[in-house]
Amino acid sequence: MSEWGDARFGRRLLQRTYQPGRMRAVTLAPGPPRAAHVDPDMPRAVLRWDGQCWKLVAVVADLAAAQELMRPTKPGPEPW
């Protein structure tokens, strides 16, 4: 691929991967980032992608609180 094609491919990949409104939770622990299940009781920073950079939304107590903030339960039909 040409230099122009590589840059265009990278830009398109970022646009598909990081769409505005996407959220992620980052563990607030010393050391390198780890998988979410490693320290489920550690505090988390919930971040939202605005199209240019990650912005802090909230700091929560643990993984369960971060998941609830990122994916709130939606009301649905009542069970039978």
N, C-alpha and C. Protein backbone atom coordinates (compact mmCIF):
# COMPACT_ATOMS: atom_id res chain seq x y z
N MET A 1 0.84 -1.19 0.00
CA MET A 1 0.00 0.00 0.00
C MET A 1 0.87 1.24 0.00
N SER A 2 0.35 2.27 -0.55
CA SER A 2 1.09 3.52 -0.55
C SER A 2 1.01 4.19 0.82
N GLU A 3 1.81 5.20 0.99
CA GLU A 3 1.80 5.95 2.25
C GLU A 3 0.42 6.55 2.50
N TRP A 4 -0.20 7.07 1.44
CA TRP A 4 -1.52 7.67 1.56
C TRP A 4 -2.56 6.62 1.95
N GLY A 5 -2.46 5.43 1.37
CA GLY A 5 -3.40 4.35 1.66
C GLY A 5 -3.29 3.87 3.10
N ASP A 6 -2.09 3.77 3.63
CA ASP A 6 -1.90 3.35 5.02
C ASP A 6 -2.51 4.34 5.99
N ALA A 7 -2.31 5.62 5.74
CA ALA A 7 -2.85 6.66 6.61
C ALA A 7 -4.38 6.62 6.57
N ARG A 8 -4.93 6.44 5.39
CA ARG A 8 -6.38 6.41 5.24
C ARG A 8 -6.96 5.18 5.94
N PHE A 9 -6.30 4.03 5.79
CA PHE A 9 -6.75 2.81 6.45
C PHE A 9 -6.73 2.98 7.98
N GLY A 10 -5.66 3.56 8.52
CA GLY A 10 -5.56 3.78 9.96
C GLY A 10 -6.63 4.71 10.47
N ARG A 11 -6.92 5.75 9.74
CA ARG A 11 -7.95 6.71 10.13
C ARG A 11 -9.32 6.04 10.14
N ARG A 12 -9.60 5.22 9.11
CA ARG A 12 -10.89 4.52 9.04
C ARG A 12 -11.03 3.51 10.18
N LEU A 13 -9.93 2.83 10.50
CA LEU A 13 -9.96 1.87 11.60
C LEU A 13 -10.28 2.56 12.91
N LEU A 14 -9.67 3.70 13.18
CA LEU A 14 -9.95 4.45 14.40
C LEU A 14 -11.39 4.95 14.43
N GLN A 15 -11.91 5.38 13.30
CA GLN A 15 -13.28 5.87 13.25
C GLN A 15 -14.27 4.75 13.56
N ARG A 16 -13.99 3.55 13.09
CA ARG A 16 -14.88 2.43 13.37
C ARG A 16 -14.75 1.95 14.80
N THR A 17 -13.53 1.92 15.31
CA THR A 17 -13.28 1.38 16.64
C THR A 17 -13.73 2.34 17.73
N TYR A 18 -13.35 3.59 17.60
CA TYR A 18 -13.66 4.59 18.64
C TYR A 18 -14.70 5.56 18.13
N GLN A 19 -15.95 5.16 18.24
CA GLN A 19 -17.05 6.03 17.85
C GLN A 19 -17.41 6.92 19.03
N PRO A 20 -17.79 8.16 18.79
CA PRO A 20 -18.17 9.04 19.90
C PRO A 20 -19.26 8.40 20.76
N GLY A 21 -19.10 8.53 22.06
CA GLY A 21 -20.05 7.97 23.00
C GLY A 21 -19.59 6.64 23.58
N ARG A 22 -18.58 6.01 22.99
CA ARG A 22 -18.08 4.74 23.50
C ARG A 22 -17.47 4.96 24.88
N MET A 23 -17.70 4.02 25.79
CA MET A 23 -17.20 4.16 27.16
C MET A 23 -16.28 3.00 27.52
N ARG A 24 -15.37 3.27 28.46
CA ARG A 24 -14.51 2.22 29.00
C ARG A 24 -14.20 2.54 30.45
N ALA A 25 -13.84 1.51 31.21
CA ALA A 25 -13.47 1.67 32.61
C ALA A 25 -12.01 1.30 32.78
N VAL A 26 -11.27 2.14 33.47
CA VAL A 26 -9.84 1.93 33.68
C VAL A 26 -9.61 1.77 35.18
N THR A 27 -8.88 0.72 35.55
CA THR A 27 -8.58 0.47 36.96
C THR A 27 -7.64 1.54 37.49
N LEU A 28 -7.95 2.07 38.65
CA LEU A 28 -7.08 3.07 39.29
C LEU A 28 -6.15 2.36 40.26
N ALA A 29 -5.18 1.66 39.71
CA ALA A 29 -4.20 0.92 40.50
C ALA A 29 -2.82 1.19 39.92
N PRO A 30 -1.80 1.12 40.76
CA PRO A 30 -0.44 1.31 40.22
C PRO A 30 -0.07 0.18 39.27
N GLY A 31 0.79 0.48 38.33
CA GLY A 31 1.26 -0.53 37.39
C GLY A 31 0.55 -0.42 36.05
N PRO A 32 0.86 -1.35 35.16
CA PRO A 32 0.28 -1.32 33.82
C PRO A 32 -1.21 -1.67 33.85
N PRO A 33 -1.97 -1.27 32.82
CA PRO A 33 -3.38 -1.64 32.76
C PRO A 33 -3.54 -3.16 32.69
N ARG A 34 -4.57 -3.67 33.34
CA ARG A 34 -4.82 -5.11 33.36
C ARG A 34 -6.26 -5.39 32.95
N ALA A 35 -6.55 -6.64 32.78
CA ALA A 35 -7.92 -7.05 32.44
C ALA A 35 -8.86 -6.71 33.59
N ALA A 36 -10.11 -6.51 33.29
CA ALA A 36 -11.09 -6.08 34.28
C ALA A 36 -11.27 -7.08 35.41
N HIS A 37 -11.18 -8.37 35.11
CA HIS A 37 -11.45 -9.38 36.12
C HIS A 37 -10.32 -9.56 37.13
N VAL A 38 -9.16 -8.97 36.89
CA VAL A 38 -8.01 -9.18 37.78
C VAL A 38 -8.23 -8.53 39.14
N ASP A 39 -8.69 -7.31 39.19
CA ASP A 39 -8.95 -6.59 40.44
C ASP A 39 -10.37 -6.04 40.44
N PRO A 40 -11.39 -6.88 40.63
CA PRO A 40 -12.76 -6.39 40.53
C PRO A 40 -13.16 -5.41 41.64
N ASP A 41 -12.43 -5.40 42.76
CA ASP A 41 -12.80 -4.53 43.88
C ASP A 41 -12.06 -3.20 43.87
N MET A 42 -11.18 -2.98 42.92
CA MET A 42 -10.43 -1.72 42.84
C MET A 42 -11.31 -0.62 42.25
N PRO A 43 -11.08 0.65 42.64
CA PRO A 43 -11.83 1.75 42.05
C PRO A 43 -11.54 1.89 40.55
N ARG A 44 -12.50 2.43 39.82
CA ARG A 44 -12.38 2.58 38.37
C ARG A 44 -12.68 4.02 37.96
N ALA A 45 -12.02 4.44 36.89
CA ALA A 45 -12.36 5.70 36.23
C ALA A 45 -13.14 5.33 34.98
N VAL A 46 -14.33 5.87 34.83
CA VAL A 46 -15.16 5.61 33.65
C VAL A 46 -14.91 6.75 32.67
N LEU A 47 -14.50 6.40 31.46
CA LEU A 47 -14.13 7.37 30.43
C LEU A 47 -15.06 7.25 29.23
N ARG A 48 -15.32 8.38 28.56
CA ARG A 48 -16.14 8.39 27.35
C ARG A 48 -15.34 9.03 26.22
N TRP A 49 -15.37 8.40 25.04
CA TRP A 49 -14.67 8.91 23.85
C TRP A 49 -15.56 9.95 23.20
N ASP A 50 -15.02 11.16 22.98
CA ASP A 50 -15.82 12.24 22.37
C ASP A 50 -15.46 12.48 20.90
N GLY A 51 -14.65 11.62 20.34
CA GLY A 51 -14.24 11.76 18.95
C GLY A 51 -12.82 12.29 18.83
N GLN A 52 -12.31 12.90 19.88
CA GLN A 52 -10.95 13.44 19.88
C GLN A 52 -10.10 12.85 21.00
N CYS A 53 -10.68 12.70 22.19
CA CYS A 53 -9.93 12.18 23.34
C CYS A 53 -10.90 11.53 24.33
N TRP A 54 -10.34 10.80 25.29
CA TRP A 54 -11.13 10.19 26.35
C TRP A 54 -11.38 11.23 27.44
N LYS A 55 -12.64 11.41 27.85
CA LYS A 55 -13.01 12.36 28.90
C LYS A 55 -13.53 11.60 30.11
N LEU A 56 -13.15 12.06 31.29
CA LEU A 56 -13.58 11.43 32.53
C LEU A 56 -15.06 11.67 32.75
N VAL A 57 -15.81 10.61 33.01
CA VAL A 57 -17.24 10.70 33.30
C VAL A 57 -17.46 10.62 34.81
N ALA A 58 -16.84 9.61 35.43
CA ALA A 58 -17.02 9.41 36.87
C ALA A 58 -15.93 8.49 37.40
N VAL A 59 -15.74 8.54 38.71
CA VAL A 59 -14.88 7.59 39.40
C VAL A 59 -15.81 6.78 40.30
N VAL A 60 -15.77 5.45 40.15
CA VAL A 60 -16.68 4.57 40.88
C VAL A 60 -15.89 3.60 41.75
N ALA A 61 -16.60 2.95 42.66
CA ALA A 61 -15.95 2.12 43.68
C ALA A 61 -15.38 0.80 43.17
N ASP A 62 -16.04 0.16 42.21
CA ASP A 62 -15.58 -1.16 41.77
C ASP A 62 -16.08 -1.47 40.36
N LEU A 63 -15.76 -2.68 39.89
CA LEU A 63 -16.11 -3.09 38.53
C LEU A 63 -17.62 -3.15 38.33
N ALA A 64 -18.36 -3.64 39.30
CA ALA A 64 -19.82 -3.75 39.17
C ALA A 64 -20.46 -2.37 38.98
N ALA A 65 -20.00 -1.39 39.73
CA ALA A 65 -20.54 -0.03 39.61
C ALA A 65 -20.17 0.57 38.25
N ALA A 66 -18.98 0.28 37.76
CA ALA A 66 -18.56 0.78 36.44
C ALA A 66 -19.41 0.17 35.34
N GLN A 67 -19.67 -1.14 35.43
CA GLN A 67 -20.49 -1.80 34.41
C GLN A 67 -21.92 -1.27 34.44
N GLU A 68 -22.45 -1.00 35.61
CA GLU A 68 -23.81 -0.45 35.71
C GLU A 68 -23.89 0.95 35.10
N LEU A 69 -22.85 1.73 35.29
CA LEU A 69 -22.82 3.08 34.72
C LEU A 69 -22.67 3.04 33.20
N MET A 70 -21.85 2.11 32.69
CA MET A 70 -21.62 2.03 31.26
C MET A 70 -22.77 1.36 30.52
N ARG A 71 -23.41 0.38 31.13
CA ARG A 71 -24.50 -0.36 30.50
C ARG A 71 -25.68 -0.44 31.46
N PRO A 72 -26.46 0.65 31.59
CA PRO A 72 -27.59 0.60 32.52
C PRO A 72 -28.65 -0.39 32.04
N THR A 73 -29.34 -0.96 33.01
CA THR A 73 -30.39 -1.92 32.65
C THR A 73 -31.56 -1.16 32.05
N LYS A 74 -32.03 -1.64 30.92
CA LYS A 74 -33.12 -0.98 30.22
C LYS A 74 -34.43 -1.68 30.56
N PRO A 75 -35.49 -0.90 30.78
CA PRO A 75 -36.76 -1.57 31.06
C PRO A 75 -37.25 -2.33 29.82
N GLY A 76 -37.76 -3.48 30.05
CA GLY A 76 -38.25 -4.31 28.96
C GLY A 76 -39.60 -4.88 29.30
N PRO A 77 -40.07 -5.80 28.51
CA PRO A 77 -41.35 -6.40 28.80
C PRO A 77 -41.28 -7.23 30.07
N GLU A 78 -42.40 -7.31 30.77
CA GLU A 78 -42.44 -8.10 31.99
C GLU A 78 -42.35 -9.58 31.65
N PRO A 79 -41.70 -10.36 32.53
CA PRO A 79 -41.61 -11.80 32.26
C PRO A 79 -42.99 -12.44 32.35
N TRP A 80 -43.18 -13.55 31.72
CA TRP A 80 -44.47 -14.23 31.71
C TRP A 80 -44.81 -14.78 33.03
